[in-house]
Amino acid sequence: MTDFSARRVMMVDTQVRPSDVTKFPIIEAMLSVPRETFVPRDKREAAYMGENLVLRQGRVVLEPRTLAKLLDALDIQPDEMVLDLGCGLGYSAAVLARLADAVVAVEEDEAMATEAQQLLSQASVDNAAVIVGPLAEGAAKHGPYDVITVQGGVEVVPAALLAQLKDGGRIAAVFMEGALGVARVGYKADGKVSWRFVFNASAPVLAGFEAAHDFVL
């Protein structure tokens, strides 16, 4: 039997803490949520590797370091509501649920969304709900949100999503420029979002978050 709890401690000690993530709620959440539960069965042995874990073509569970550093920069409070885009099988939603008051998770793959909701229920995560729909459209009817997280790469963030962020709210995403990417946090004030660089990271660009490329003949 694999000792996943020992691997979880090792993940935090070797990937999270050395990345200058020291906030107790984040450490506690990442020690508590069984990452192996929220990945495909045949990938469980790789659940705690320090790299993005592929769910299917173009979709990953962000590596622990990336997720932890995004959460650290967002500084989510216990009374806040979070929109989690691209939750996959629910790992990010489960971690966020330990930090926030409530999580609305969006997943466009219906099979993954159904499984995510089942796994969250089995893990007694009762303050996160999974909604099926295009990631780039968010979930306006449940907003506005204090925090928005994007569990994958982006080239652009649609205005429709930024509109779902409360004034004073934050949004985090990994902006990809070719093979390289940077994590940025956007802060909304007076209806406008200003972005700040946080750290280097990479993830596949999600559908609906691609930049419009002009074709030149």
N, C-alpha and C. Protein backbone atom coordinates (compact mmCIF):
# COMPACT_ATOMS: atom_id res chain seq x y z
N MET A 1 0.85 -1.20 0.00
CA MET A 1 0.00 0.00 0.00
C MET A 1 0.88 1.26 0.00
N THR A 2 0.55 2.17 -0.89
CA THR A 2 1.28 3.44 -0.93
C THR A 2 0.83 4.31 0.24
N ASP A 3 1.80 4.91 0.92
CA ASP A 3 1.48 5.81 2.03
C ASP A 3 1.33 7.23 1.48
N PHE A 4 0.10 7.55 1.04
CA PHE A 4 -0.12 8.85 0.41
C PHE A 4 -0.02 9.99 1.42
N SER A 5 -0.35 9.73 2.68
CA SER A 5 -0.27 10.81 3.67
C SER A 5 1.19 11.25 3.86
N ALA A 6 2.11 10.28 3.82
CA ALA A 6 3.54 10.62 3.93
C ALA A 6 3.99 11.41 2.70
N ARG A 7 3.46 11.03 1.53
CA ARG A 7 3.81 11.76 0.31
C ARG A 7 3.27 13.20 0.35
N ARG A 8 2.10 13.34 0.97
CA ARG A 8 1.49 14.67 1.10
C ARG A 8 2.39 15.58 1.95
N VAL A 9 2.89 15.04 3.06
CA VAL A 9 3.80 15.80 3.92
C VAL A 9 5.07 16.15 3.15
N MET A 10 5.58 15.19 2.39
CA MET A 10 6.79 15.42 1.61
C MET A 10 6.56 16.50 0.54
N MET A 11 5.39 16.46 -0.09
CA MET A 11 5.03 17.48 -1.09
C MET A 11 5.09 18.87 -0.48
N VAL A 12 4.50 19.01 0.71
CA VAL A 12 4.48 20.32 1.37
C VAL A 12 5.89 20.73 1.79
N ASP A 13 6.67 19.78 2.31
CA ASP A 13 8.01 20.10 2.82
C ASP A 13 9.03 20.36 1.72
N THR A 14 8.84 19.73 0.54
CA THR A 14 9.85 19.86 -0.52
C THR A 14 9.42 20.73 -1.69
N GLN A 15 8.11 20.96 -1.85
CA GLN A 15 7.63 21.75 -2.99
C GLN A 15 6.95 23.06 -2.58
N VAL A 16 6.22 23.01 -1.47
CA VAL A 16 5.42 24.18 -1.08
C VAL A 16 6.19 25.13 -0.17
N ARG A 17 6.67 24.63 0.96
CA ARG A 17 7.41 25.52 1.89
C ARG A 17 8.65 26.15 1.26
N PRO A 18 9.46 25.39 0.47
CA PRO A 18 10.65 26.01 -0.14
C PRO A 18 10.31 27.10 -1.17
N SER A 19 9.04 27.17 -1.58
CA SER A 19 8.60 28.21 -2.52
C SER A 19 8.09 29.44 -1.78
N ASP A 20 8.47 29.55 -0.50
CA ASP A 20 8.10 30.70 0.34
C ASP A 20 6.61 30.80 0.59
N VAL A 21 5.93 29.66 0.58
CA VAL A 21 4.52 29.64 0.96
C VAL A 21 4.46 29.16 2.41
N THR A 22 4.11 30.08 3.31
CA THR A 22 4.15 29.75 4.74
C THR A 22 2.83 30.02 5.46
N LYS A 23 1.83 30.57 4.74
CA LYS A 23 0.55 30.85 5.40
C LYS A 23 -0.06 29.54 5.90
N PHE A 24 -0.41 29.52 7.18
CA PHE A 24 -0.89 28.27 7.79
C PHE A 24 -2.13 27.69 7.08
N PRO A 25 -3.14 28.50 6.73
CA PRO A 25 -4.32 27.90 6.09
C PRO A 25 -4.00 27.16 4.79
N ILE A 26 -3.03 27.68 4.02
CA ILE A 26 -2.67 27.03 2.75
C ILE A 26 -1.92 25.72 3.03
N ILE A 27 -0.97 25.76 3.96
CA ILE A 27 -0.23 24.55 4.34
C ILE A 27 -1.20 23.49 4.85
N GLU A 28 -2.11 23.92 5.71
CA GLU A 28 -3.08 22.98 6.30
C GLU A 28 -3.98 22.38 5.23
N ALA A 29 -4.42 23.21 4.29
CA ALA A 29 -5.30 22.71 3.22
C ALA A 29 -4.58 21.69 2.35
N MET A 30 -3.32 21.98 2.01
CA MET A 30 -2.59 21.08 1.12
C MET A 30 -2.15 19.80 1.84
N LEU A 31 -2.02 19.87 3.17
CA LEU A 31 -1.74 18.66 3.95
C LEU A 31 -3.00 17.81 4.13
N SER A 32 -4.17 18.47 4.08
CA SER A 32 -5.42 17.78 4.40
C SER A 32 -6.11 17.13 3.20
N VAL A 33 -6.01 17.79 2.02
CA VAL A 33 -6.75 17.29 0.85
C VAL A 33 -5.96 16.17 0.18
N PRO A 34 -6.56 14.99 0.06
CA PRO A 34 -5.87 13.85 -0.57
C PRO A 34 -5.80 14.02 -2.09
N ARG A 35 -4.70 14.57 -2.56
CA ARG A 35 -4.54 14.86 -4.00
C ARG A 35 -4.75 13.62 -4.86
N GLU A 36 -4.32 12.45 -4.34
CA GLU A 36 -4.44 11.21 -5.12
C GLU A 36 -5.89 10.84 -5.42
N THR A 37 -6.82 11.32 -4.58
CA THR A 37 -8.24 11.03 -4.78
C THR A 37 -8.79 11.75 -6.00
N PHE A 38 -8.21 12.93 -6.31
CA PHE A 38 -8.77 13.79 -7.34
C PHE A 38 -8.00 13.75 -8.65
N VAL A 39 -7.33 12.63 -8.90
CA VAL A 39 -6.65 12.43 -10.19
C VAL A 39 -7.14 11.10 -10.77
N PRO A 40 -6.95 10.89 -12.08
CA PRO A 40 -7.37 9.61 -12.66
C PRO A 40 -6.70 8.44 -11.93
N ARG A 41 -7.43 7.36 -11.81
CA ARG A 41 -6.96 6.21 -11.02
C ARG A 41 -5.56 5.73 -11.44
N ASP A 42 -5.31 5.75 -12.74
CA ASP A 42 -4.01 5.25 -13.21
C ASP A 42 -2.88 6.26 -13.01
N LYS A 43 -3.21 7.45 -12.48
CA LYS A 43 -2.19 8.48 -12.25
C LYS A 43 -1.91 8.70 -10.76
N ARG A 44 -2.53 7.89 -9.92
CA ARG A 44 -2.41 8.13 -8.48
C ARG A 44 -0.97 8.09 -7.97
N GLU A 45 -0.19 7.17 -8.54
CA GLU A 45 1.21 7.07 -8.10
C GLU A 45 2.00 8.35 -8.41
N ALA A 46 1.52 9.11 -9.39
CA ALA A 46 2.21 10.33 -9.79
C ALA A 46 1.59 11.60 -9.18
N ALA A 47 0.62 11.41 -8.29
CA ALA A 47 -0.17 12.54 -7.77
C ALA A 47 0.66 13.61 -7.09
N TYR A 48 1.78 13.21 -6.48
CA TYR A 48 2.55 14.17 -5.68
C TYR A 48 3.85 14.61 -6.35
N MET A 49 3.99 14.31 -7.63
CA MET A 49 5.17 14.75 -8.38
C MET A 49 5.15 16.27 -8.50
N GLY A 50 6.32 16.87 -8.62
CA GLY A 50 6.41 18.32 -8.75
C GLY A 50 6.25 18.80 -10.16
N GLU A 51 5.17 18.41 -10.79
CA GLU A 51 4.91 18.84 -12.17
C GLU A 51 3.41 18.79 -12.42
N ASN A 52 2.97 19.47 -13.49
CA ASN A 52 1.55 19.41 -13.85
C ASN A 52 1.17 17.96 -14.17
N LEU A 53 0.00 17.55 -13.70
CA LEU A 53 -0.46 16.18 -13.91
C LEU A 53 -1.56 16.18 -14.98
N VAL A 54 -1.33 15.45 -16.05
CA VAL A 54 -2.28 15.47 -17.17
C VAL A 54 -3.57 14.72 -16.82
N LEU A 55 -4.70 15.42 -17.02
CA LEU A 55 -6.03 14.80 -16.85
C LEU A 55 -6.50 14.23 -18.18
N ARG A 56 -6.35 15.02 -19.21
CA ARG A 56 -6.63 14.61 -20.60
C ARG A 56 -5.96 15.63 -21.50
N GLN A 57 -6.11 15.49 -22.80
CA GLN A 57 -5.46 16.40 -23.75
C GLN A 57 -5.73 17.86 -23.38
N GLY A 58 -4.66 18.60 -23.13
CA GLY A 58 -4.80 20.03 -22.88
C GLY A 58 -5.28 20.42 -21.50
N ARG A 59 -5.44 19.44 -20.62
CA ARG A 59 -5.96 19.74 -19.28
C ARG A 59 -5.08 19.09 -18.22
N VAL A 60 -4.76 19.85 -17.19
CA VAL A 60 -3.87 19.36 -16.14
C VAL A 60 -4.39 19.74 -14.76
N VAL A 61 -3.86 19.03 -13.75
CA VAL A 61 -3.93 19.52 -12.37
C VAL A 61 -2.63 20.30 -12.19
N LEU A 62 -2.73 21.56 -11.83
CA LEU A 62 -1.52 22.38 -11.68
C LEU A 62 -0.58 21.76 -10.65
N GLU A 63 0.72 21.88 -10.91
CA GLU A 63 1.70 21.33 -9.97
C GLU A 63 1.50 21.99 -8.60
N PRO A 64 1.81 21.27 -7.51
CA PRO A 64 1.56 21.79 -6.17
C PRO A 64 2.17 23.16 -5.92
N ARG A 65 3.40 23.36 -6.39
CA ARG A 65 4.07 24.65 -6.18
C ARG A 65 3.29 25.79 -6.82
N THR A 66 2.85 25.59 -8.06
CA THR A 66 2.12 26.64 -8.77
C THR A 66 0.83 26.99 -8.05
N LEU A 67 0.05 25.96 -7.68
CA LEU A 67 -1.21 26.21 -6.99
C LEU A 67 -0.96 26.92 -5.66
N ALA A 68 0.00 26.44 -4.90
CA ALA A 68 0.29 27.02 -3.58
C ALA A 68 0.69 28.49 -3.69
N LYS A 69 1.55 28.80 -4.67
CA LYS A 69 2.00 30.19 -4.83
C LYS A 69 0.88 31.10 -5.32
N LEU A 70 -0.01 30.57 -6.16
CA LEU A 70 -1.19 31.35 -6.58
C LEU A 70 -2.07 31.65 -5.37
N LEU A 71 -2.31 30.63 -4.54
CA LEU A 71 -3.15 30.81 -3.35
C LEU A 71 -2.52 31.80 -2.39
N ASP A 72 -1.20 31.73 -2.26
CA ASP A 72 -0.47 32.64 -1.38
C ASP A 72 -0.66 34.09 -1.84
N ALA A 73 -0.55 34.31 -3.15
CA ALA A 73 -0.69 35.66 -3.70
C ALA A 73 -2.12 36.17 -3.58
N LEU A 74 -3.10 35.26 -3.67
CA LEU A 74 -4.51 35.66 -3.61
C LEU A 74 -4.98 35.99 -2.19
N ASP A 75 -4.34 35.36 -1.20
CA ASP A 75 -4.67 35.61 0.21
C ASP A 75 -6.18 35.51 0.47
N ILE A 76 -6.74 34.36 0.15
CA ILE A 76 -8.19 34.13 0.28
C ILE A 76 -8.61 34.13 1.75
N GLN A 77 -9.70 34.83 2.04
CA GLN A 77 -10.21 34.95 3.42
C GLN A 77 -11.40 34.01 3.65
N PRO A 78 -11.65 33.64 4.92
CA PRO A 78 -12.69 32.64 5.23
C PRO A 78 -14.11 33.07 4.89
N ASP A 79 -14.33 34.37 4.65
CA ASP A 79 -15.69 34.83 4.32
C ASP A 79 -15.87 35.10 2.83
N GLU A 80 -14.89 34.68 2.02
CA GLU A 80 -14.93 35.02 0.59
C GLU A 80 -15.50 33.90 -0.28
N MET A 81 -16.02 34.31 -1.43
CA MET A 81 -16.59 33.38 -2.41
C MET A 81 -15.65 33.30 -3.61
N VAL A 82 -15.36 32.08 -4.03
CA VAL A 82 -14.36 31.85 -5.09
C VAL A 82 -15.00 31.17 -6.30
N LEU A 83 -14.62 31.64 -7.48
CA LEU A 83 -14.97 30.98 -8.74
C LEU A 83 -13.72 30.25 -9.22
N ASP A 84 -13.84 28.93 -9.36
CA ASP A 84 -12.70 28.09 -9.75
C ASP A 84 -12.95 27.54 -11.15
N LEU A 85 -12.17 28.02 -12.12
CA LEU A 85 -12.41 27.66 -13.52
C LEU A 85 -11.50 26.52 -13.96
N GLY A 86 -12.10 25.42 -14.43
CA GLY A 86 -11.32 24.27 -14.88
C GLY A 86 -10.91 23.39 -13.72
N CYS A 87 -11.87 23.04 -12.89
CA CYS A 87 -11.56 22.29 -11.66
C CYS A 87 -11.16 20.84 -11.92
N GLY A 88 -11.35 20.36 -13.17
CA GLY A 88 -10.96 18.98 -13.45
C GLY A 88 -11.75 18.00 -12.60
N LEU A 89 -11.04 17.18 -11.83
CA LEU A 89 -11.72 16.21 -10.96
C LEU A 89 -11.92 16.76 -9.54
N GLY A 90 -11.66 18.06 -9.36
CA GLY A 90 -12.07 18.71 -8.11
C GLY A 90 -10.98 19.02 -7.10
N TYR A 91 -9.70 18.73 -7.43
CA TYR A 91 -8.65 18.96 -6.43
C TYR A 91 -8.57 20.43 -6.01
N SER A 92 -8.50 21.32 -6.99
CA SER A 92 -8.38 22.74 -6.67
C SER A 92 -9.58 23.23 -5.86
N ALA A 93 -10.77 22.76 -6.23
CA ALA A 93 -11.98 23.16 -5.52
C ALA A 93 -11.94 22.68 -4.06
N ALA A 94 -11.42 21.47 -3.85
CA ALA A 94 -11.33 20.92 -2.49
C ALA A 94 -10.36 21.74 -1.63
N VAL A 95 -9.24 22.16 -2.22
CA VAL A 95 -8.27 22.98 -1.49
C VAL A 95 -8.86 24.36 -1.21
N LEU A 96 -9.45 24.97 -2.23
CA LEU A 96 -10.06 26.29 -2.08
C LEU A 96 -11.18 26.28 -1.03
N ALA A 97 -11.92 25.17 -0.98
CA ALA A 97 -13.05 25.07 -0.04
C ALA A 97 -12.59 25.15 1.41
N ARG A 98 -11.35 24.80 1.67
CA ARG A 98 -10.81 24.88 3.03
C ARG A 98 -10.37 26.30 3.39
N LEU A 99 -10.23 27.14 2.37
CA LEU A 99 -9.76 28.51 2.59
C LEU A 99 -10.90 29.53 2.55
N ALA A 100 -11.92 29.24 1.74
CA ALA A 100 -12.97 30.21 1.45
C ALA A 100 -14.29 29.82 2.12
N ASP A 101 -15.27 30.72 2.00
CA ASP A 101 -16.61 30.42 2.52
C ASP A 101 -17.34 29.46 1.58
N ALA A 102 -17.21 29.72 0.27
CA ALA A 102 -17.88 28.88 -0.72
C ALA A 102 -17.12 28.92 -2.04
N VAL A 103 -17.21 27.81 -2.80
CA VAL A 103 -16.53 27.70 -4.09
C VAL A 103 -17.53 27.28 -5.15
N VAL A 104 -17.56 28.03 -6.25
CA VAL A 104 -18.32 27.62 -7.43
C VAL A 104 -17.27 27.18 -8.45
N ALA A 105 -17.26 25.89 -8.77
CA ALA A 105 -16.27 25.34 -9.69
C ALA A 105 -16.93 25.09 -11.04
N VAL A 106 -16.25 25.49 -12.11
CA VAL A 106 -16.79 25.30 -13.46
C VAL A 106 -15.91 24.30 -14.21
N GLU A 107 -16.56 23.34 -14.84
CA GLU A 107 -15.86 22.33 -15.65
C GLU A 107 -16.67 22.09 -16.91
N GLU A 108 -16.01 22.18 -18.08
CA GLU A 108 -16.78 22.03 -19.32
C GLU A 108 -16.90 20.58 -19.76
N ASP A 109 -16.03 19.71 -19.25
CA ASP A 109 -16.11 18.29 -19.56
C ASP A 109 -17.14 17.67 -18.62
N GLU A 110 -18.27 17.27 -19.18
CA GLU A 110 -19.40 16.83 -18.34
C GLU A 110 -19.04 15.62 -17.47
N ALA A 111 -18.30 14.68 -18.05
CA ALA A 111 -17.92 13.48 -17.29
C ALA A 111 -17.01 13.85 -16.12
N MET A 112 -16.06 14.75 -16.36
CA MET A 112 -15.17 15.18 -15.28
C MET A 112 -15.95 15.95 -14.22
N ALA A 113 -16.88 16.78 -14.65
CA ALA A 113 -17.68 17.56 -13.70
C ALA A 113 -18.49 16.65 -12.78
N THR A 114 -19.11 15.63 -13.38
CA THR A 114 -19.91 14.68 -12.60
C THR A 114 -19.04 13.95 -11.58
N GLU A 115 -17.87 13.50 -12.05
CA GLU A 115 -16.96 12.78 -11.15
C GLU A 115 -16.43 13.71 -10.05
N ALA A 116 -16.13 14.95 -10.43
CA ALA A 116 -15.63 15.92 -9.45
C ALA A 116 -16.64 16.13 -8.33
N GLN A 117 -17.91 16.29 -8.71
CA GLN A 117 -18.95 16.51 -7.69
C GLN A 117 -19.06 15.29 -6.77
N GLN A 118 -18.97 14.10 -7.35
CA GLN A 118 -19.02 12.87 -6.54
C GLN A 118 -17.84 12.80 -5.58
N LEU A 119 -16.64 13.08 -6.09
CA LEU A 119 -15.44 13.01 -5.25
C LEU A 119 -15.46 14.05 -4.14
N LEU A 120 -15.95 15.24 -4.45
CA LEU A 120 -16.06 16.29 -3.42
C LEU A 120 -17.06 15.87 -2.34
N SER A 121 -18.17 15.29 -2.77
CA SER A 121 -19.18 14.83 -1.81
C SER A 121 -18.61 13.72 -0.92
N GLN A 122 -17.90 12.78 -1.54
CA GLN A 122 -17.30 11.67 -0.78
C GLN A 122 -16.26 12.18 0.22
N ALA A 123 -15.61 13.30 -0.12
CA ALA A 123 -14.60 13.88 0.76
C ALA A 123 -15.22 14.86 1.77
N SER A 124 -16.58 14.88 1.80
CA SER A 124 -17.32 15.76 2.72
C SER A 124 -17.02 17.24 2.51
N VAL A 125 -16.76 17.60 1.26
CA VAL A 125 -16.59 19.02 0.92
C VAL A 125 -17.97 19.55 0.56
N ASP A 126 -18.61 20.21 1.52
CA ASP A 126 -20.01 20.60 1.30
C ASP A 126 -20.18 22.08 0.95
N ASN A 127 -19.06 22.80 0.80
CA ASN A 127 -19.17 24.22 0.43
C ASN A 127 -18.59 24.50 -0.96
N ALA A 128 -18.57 23.45 -1.80
CA ALA A 128 -18.13 23.61 -3.20
C ALA A 128 -19.14 22.91 -4.11
N ALA A 129 -19.53 23.60 -5.18
CA ALA A 129 -20.45 23.02 -6.15
C ALA A 129 -19.84 23.09 -7.54
N VAL A 130 -20.01 22.02 -8.32
CA VAL A 130 -19.44 21.97 -9.67
C VAL A 130 -20.54 22.22 -10.70
N ILE A 131 -20.28 23.15 -11.60
CA ILE A 131 -21.23 23.52 -12.64
C ILE A 131 -20.62 23.17 -14.00
N VAL A 132 -21.45 22.64 -14.90
CA VAL A 132 -20.96 22.30 -16.24
C VAL A 132 -21.19 23.50 -17.17
N GLY A 133 -20.12 23.90 -17.87
CA GLY A 133 -20.25 24.99 -18.83
C GLY A 133 -18.90 25.41 -19.35
N PRO A 134 -18.88 26.26 -20.39
CA PRO A 134 -17.62 26.74 -20.94
C PRO A 134 -16.84 27.53 -19.88
N LEU A 135 -15.56 27.20 -19.72
CA LEU A 135 -14.75 27.83 -18.68
C LEU A 135 -14.68 29.34 -18.87
N ALA A 136 -14.56 29.77 -20.12
CA ALA A 136 -14.37 31.19 -20.40
C ALA A 136 -15.61 32.03 -20.10
N GLU A 137 -16.75 31.36 -19.85
CA GLU A 137 -17.98 32.11 -19.55
C GLU A 137 -18.20 32.25 -18.05
N GLY A 138 -17.47 31.47 -17.26
CA GLY A 138 -17.61 31.56 -15.81
C GLY A 138 -18.98 31.08 -15.35
N ALA A 139 -19.51 31.74 -14.32
CA ALA A 139 -20.82 31.40 -13.77
C ALA A 139 -21.43 32.66 -13.18
N ALA A 140 -21.84 33.56 -14.09
CA ALA A 140 -22.28 34.90 -13.70
C ALA A 140 -23.44 34.89 -12.71
N LYS A 141 -24.34 33.91 -12.84
CA LYS A 141 -25.55 33.97 -12.01
C LYS A 141 -25.25 33.72 -10.53
N HIS A 142 -24.10 33.14 -10.23
CA HIS A 142 -23.73 32.91 -8.82
C HIS A 142 -22.81 34.00 -8.29
N GLY A 143 -22.36 34.90 -9.17
CA GLY A 143 -21.42 35.95 -8.78
C GLY A 143 -22.12 37.18 -8.24
N PRO A 144 -21.40 38.28 -8.05
CA PRO A 144 -19.97 38.41 -8.32
C PRO A 144 -19.11 37.72 -7.25
N TYR A 145 -17.83 37.52 -7.58
CA TYR A 145 -16.94 36.75 -6.73
C TYR A 145 -15.84 37.63 -6.14
N ASP A 146 -15.37 37.21 -4.96
CA ASP A 146 -14.24 37.89 -4.33
C ASP A 146 -12.93 37.49 -5.02
N VAL A 147 -12.89 36.22 -5.46
CA VAL A 147 -11.67 35.66 -6.03
C VAL A 147 -12.03 34.77 -7.22
N ILE A 148 -11.23 34.84 -8.29
CA ILE A 148 -11.37 33.91 -9.42
C ILE A 148 -10.02 33.24 -9.65
N THR A 149 -10.04 31.91 -9.76
CA THR A 149 -8.82 31.17 -10.08
C THR A 149 -9.01 30.45 -11.41
N VAL A 150 -7.94 30.38 -12.20
CA VAL A 150 -7.98 29.69 -13.49
C VAL A 150 -6.98 28.54 -13.42
N GLN A 151 -7.49 27.31 -13.52
CA GLN A 151 -6.65 26.11 -13.35
C GLN A 151 -6.06 25.65 -14.68
N GLY A 152 -5.31 26.55 -15.29
CA GLY A 152 -4.68 26.24 -16.57
C GLY A 152 -4.09 27.51 -17.13
N GLY A 153 -3.54 27.42 -18.34
CA GLY A 153 -2.93 28.57 -18.96
C GLY A 153 -3.92 29.45 -19.69
N VAL A 154 -3.57 30.73 -19.83
CA VAL A 154 -4.38 31.67 -20.60
C VAL A 154 -3.45 32.50 -21.49
N GLU A 155 -3.99 32.99 -22.57
CA GLU A 155 -3.31 34.04 -23.35
C GLU A 155 -4.00 35.36 -23.09
N VAL A 156 -5.33 35.29 -23.01
CA VAL A 156 -6.13 36.46 -22.63
C VAL A 156 -7.22 36.00 -21.66
N VAL A 157 -7.71 36.94 -20.85
CA VAL A 157 -8.83 36.65 -19.95
C VAL A 157 -10.05 37.41 -20.48
N PRO A 158 -11.12 36.70 -20.84
CA PRO A 158 -12.29 37.35 -21.42
C PRO A 158 -12.89 38.41 -20.48
N ALA A 159 -13.34 39.51 -21.07
CA ALA A 159 -13.95 40.59 -20.29
C ALA A 159 -15.16 40.10 -19.50
N ALA A 160 -15.88 39.11 -20.06
CA ALA A 160 -17.07 38.58 -19.37
C ALA A 160 -16.71 37.97 -18.02
N LEU A 161 -15.49 37.43 -17.92
CA LEU A 161 -15.05 36.86 -16.64
C LEU A 161 -14.67 37.96 -15.66
N LEU A 162 -13.93 38.96 -16.15
CA LEU A 162 -13.51 40.06 -15.28
C LEU A 162 -14.72 40.79 -14.72
N ALA A 163 -15.81 40.79 -15.48
CA ALA A 163 -17.05 41.44 -15.03
C ALA A 163 -17.67 40.71 -13.84
N GLN A 164 -17.30 39.43 -13.65
CA GLN A 164 -17.86 38.64 -12.55
C GLN A 164 -17.06 38.80 -11.25
N LEU A 165 -16.02 39.63 -11.30
CA LEU A 165 -15.18 39.87 -10.13
C LEU A 165 -15.66 41.13 -9.41
N LYS A 166 -15.81 41.02 -8.09
CA LYS A 166 -16.22 42.17 -7.29
C LYS A 166 -15.14 43.25 -7.31
N ASP A 167 -15.52 44.49 -7.12
CA ASP A 167 -14.53 45.53 -6.90
C ASP A 167 -13.78 45.18 -5.61
N GLY A 168 -12.47 45.25 -5.65
CA GLY A 168 -11.68 44.82 -4.50
C GLY A 168 -11.31 43.34 -4.59
N GLY A 169 -11.79 42.66 -5.64
CA GLY A 169 -11.53 41.24 -5.81
C GLY A 169 -10.22 40.98 -6.53
N ARG A 170 -9.82 39.69 -6.54
CA ARG A 170 -8.56 39.28 -7.17
C ARG A 170 -8.80 38.11 -8.11
N ILE A 171 -8.00 38.06 -9.16
CA ILE A 171 -8.04 36.93 -10.09
C ILE A 171 -6.61 36.49 -10.36
N ALA A 172 -6.39 35.18 -10.42
CA ALA A 172 -5.05 34.66 -10.69
C ALA A 172 -5.08 33.72 -11.89
N ALA A 173 -4.04 33.83 -12.72
CA ALA A 173 -3.95 32.96 -13.90
C ALA A 173 -2.49 32.87 -14.35
N VAL A 174 -2.21 31.80 -15.08
CA VAL A 174 -0.88 31.61 -15.67
C VAL A 174 -0.96 32.05 -17.13
N PHE A 175 -0.28 33.15 -17.45
CA PHE A 175 -0.29 33.70 -18.80
C PHE A 175 0.83 33.06 -19.61
N MET A 176 0.46 32.39 -20.69
CA MET A 176 1.44 31.70 -21.52
C MET A 176 1.84 32.56 -22.71
N GLU A 177 3.16 32.62 -22.95
CA GLU A 177 3.69 33.28 -24.14
C GLU A 177 4.60 32.26 -24.81
N GLY A 178 4.02 31.48 -25.72
CA GLY A 178 4.75 30.36 -26.29
C GLY A 178 4.90 29.28 -25.23
N ALA A 179 6.12 28.78 -25.07
CA ALA A 179 6.35 27.68 -24.11
C ALA A 179 6.53 28.18 -22.68
N LEU A 180 6.76 29.49 -22.54
CA LEU A 180 7.02 30.05 -21.21
C LEU A 180 5.80 30.79 -20.70
N GLY A 181 5.67 30.82 -19.40
CA GLY A 181 4.52 31.51 -18.84
C GLY A 181 4.86 32.20 -17.54
N VAL A 182 4.00 33.14 -17.15
CA VAL A 182 4.14 33.83 -15.87
C VAL A 182 2.79 33.85 -15.17
N ALA A 183 2.83 33.63 -13.86
CA ALA A 183 1.62 33.74 -13.07
C ALA A 183 1.42 35.20 -12.70
N ARG A 184 0.20 35.67 -12.90
CA ARG A 184 -0.13 37.05 -12.54
C ARG A 184 -1.39 37.07 -11.69
N VAL A 185 -1.48 38.06 -10.83
CA VAL A 185 -2.71 38.30 -10.07
C VAL A 185 -3.26 39.64 -10.51
N GLY A 186 -4.56 39.66 -10.82
CA GLY A 186 -5.22 40.90 -11.20
C GLY A 186 -6.04 41.43 -10.03
N TYR A 187 -5.95 42.72 -9.81
CA TYR A 187 -6.69 43.37 -8.71
C TYR A 187 -7.71 44.31 -9.34
N LYS A 188 -8.97 44.19 -8.92
CA LYS A 188 -10.02 45.02 -9.52
C LYS A 188 -10.33 46.22 -8.63
N ALA A 189 -10.24 47.39 -9.21
CA ALA A 189 -10.58 48.62 -8.51
C ALA A 189 -11.27 49.56 -9.49
N ASP A 190 -12.39 50.14 -9.06
CA ASP A 190 -13.16 51.05 -9.92
C ASP A 190 -13.47 50.44 -11.28
N GLY A 191 -13.78 49.14 -11.26
CA GLY A 191 -14.19 48.47 -12.49
C GLY A 191 -13.07 48.05 -13.41
N LYS A 192 -11.83 48.39 -13.06
CA LYS A 192 -10.69 48.02 -13.92
C LYS A 192 -9.79 47.02 -13.19
N VAL A 193 -9.19 46.11 -13.98
CA VAL A 193 -8.29 45.11 -13.40
C VAL A 193 -6.84 45.44 -13.78
N SER A 194 -5.98 45.56 -12.78
CA SER A 194 -4.55 45.76 -13.05
C SER A 194 -3.80 44.51 -12.63
N TRP A 195 -2.92 44.04 -13.52
CA TRP A 195 -2.23 42.77 -13.33
C TRP A 195 -0.81 42.98 -12.79
N ARG A 196 -0.40 42.07 -11.89
CA ARG A 196 0.96 42.11 -11.37
C ARG A 196 1.62 40.74 -11.52
N PHE A 197 2.88 40.76 -11.90
CA PHE A 197 3.67 39.53 -12.01
C PHE A 197 3.88 38.92 -10.62
N VAL A 198 3.75 37.58 -10.52
CA VAL A 198 4.00 36.92 -9.24
C VAL A 198 5.19 35.96 -9.33
N PHE A 199 5.18 35.05 -10.32
CA PHE A 199 6.27 34.09 -10.47
C PHE A 199 6.18 33.43 -11.84
N ASN A 200 7.20 32.69 -12.22
CA ASN A 200 7.19 31.96 -13.49
C ASN A 200 6.49 30.62 -13.32
N ALA A 201 5.70 30.25 -14.29
CA ALA A 201 4.98 28.96 -14.25
C ALA A 201 4.53 28.63 -15.67
N SER A 202 4.04 27.41 -15.87
CA SER A 202 3.51 27.07 -17.20
C SER A 202 2.36 26.08 -17.07
N ALA A 203 1.46 26.14 -18.04
CA ALA A 203 0.30 25.23 -18.09
C ALA A 203 -0.30 25.34 -19.49
N PRO A 204 -0.95 24.27 -19.97
CA PRO A 204 -1.58 24.33 -21.29
C PRO A 204 -2.67 25.40 -21.32
N VAL A 205 -2.76 26.11 -22.44
CA VAL A 205 -3.78 27.16 -22.57
C VAL A 205 -5.17 26.52 -22.70
N LEU A 206 -6.08 26.99 -21.88
CA LEU A 206 -7.44 26.44 -21.86
C LEU A 206 -8.26 26.95 -23.04
N ALA A 207 -9.21 26.13 -23.47
CA ALA A 207 -10.12 26.53 -24.55
C ALA A 207 -10.90 27.77 -24.13
N GLY A 208 -10.93 28.75 -25.04
CA GLY A 208 -11.67 29.98 -24.74
C GLY A 208 -10.78 31.08 -24.18
N PHE A 209 -9.52 30.74 -23.88
CA PHE A 209 -8.59 31.73 -23.33
C PHE A 209 -7.44 32.02 -24.30
N GLU A 210 -7.60 31.62 -25.56
CA GLU A 210 -6.56 31.87 -26.55
C GLU A 210 -6.68 33.31 -27.07
N ALA A 211 -5.52 33.88 -27.42
CA ALA A 211 -5.54 35.20 -28.06
C ALA A 211 -5.98 35.02 -29.51
N ALA A 212 -6.64 36.05 -30.05
CA ALA A 212 -7.02 36.00 -31.47
C ALA A 212 -5.75 36.27 -32.28
N HIS A 213 -5.34 35.28 -33.06
CA HIS A 213 -4.13 35.46 -33.87
C HIS A 213 -4.51 35.90 -35.28
N ASP A 214 -3.89 36.98 -35.72
CA ASP A 214 -4.16 37.45 -37.08
C ASP A 214 -3.39 36.58 -38.07
N PHE A 215 -4.09 36.13 -39.08
CA PHE A 215 -3.42 35.31 -40.11
C PHE A 215 -2.87 36.21 -41.19
N VAL A 216 -1.61 36.02 -41.50
CA VAL A 216 -0.96 36.82 -42.53
C VAL A 216 -0.64 35.91 -43.71
N LEU A 217 -1.11 36.28 -44.88
CA LEU A 217 -0.85 35.47 -46.08
C LEU A 217 0.52 35.82 -46.63
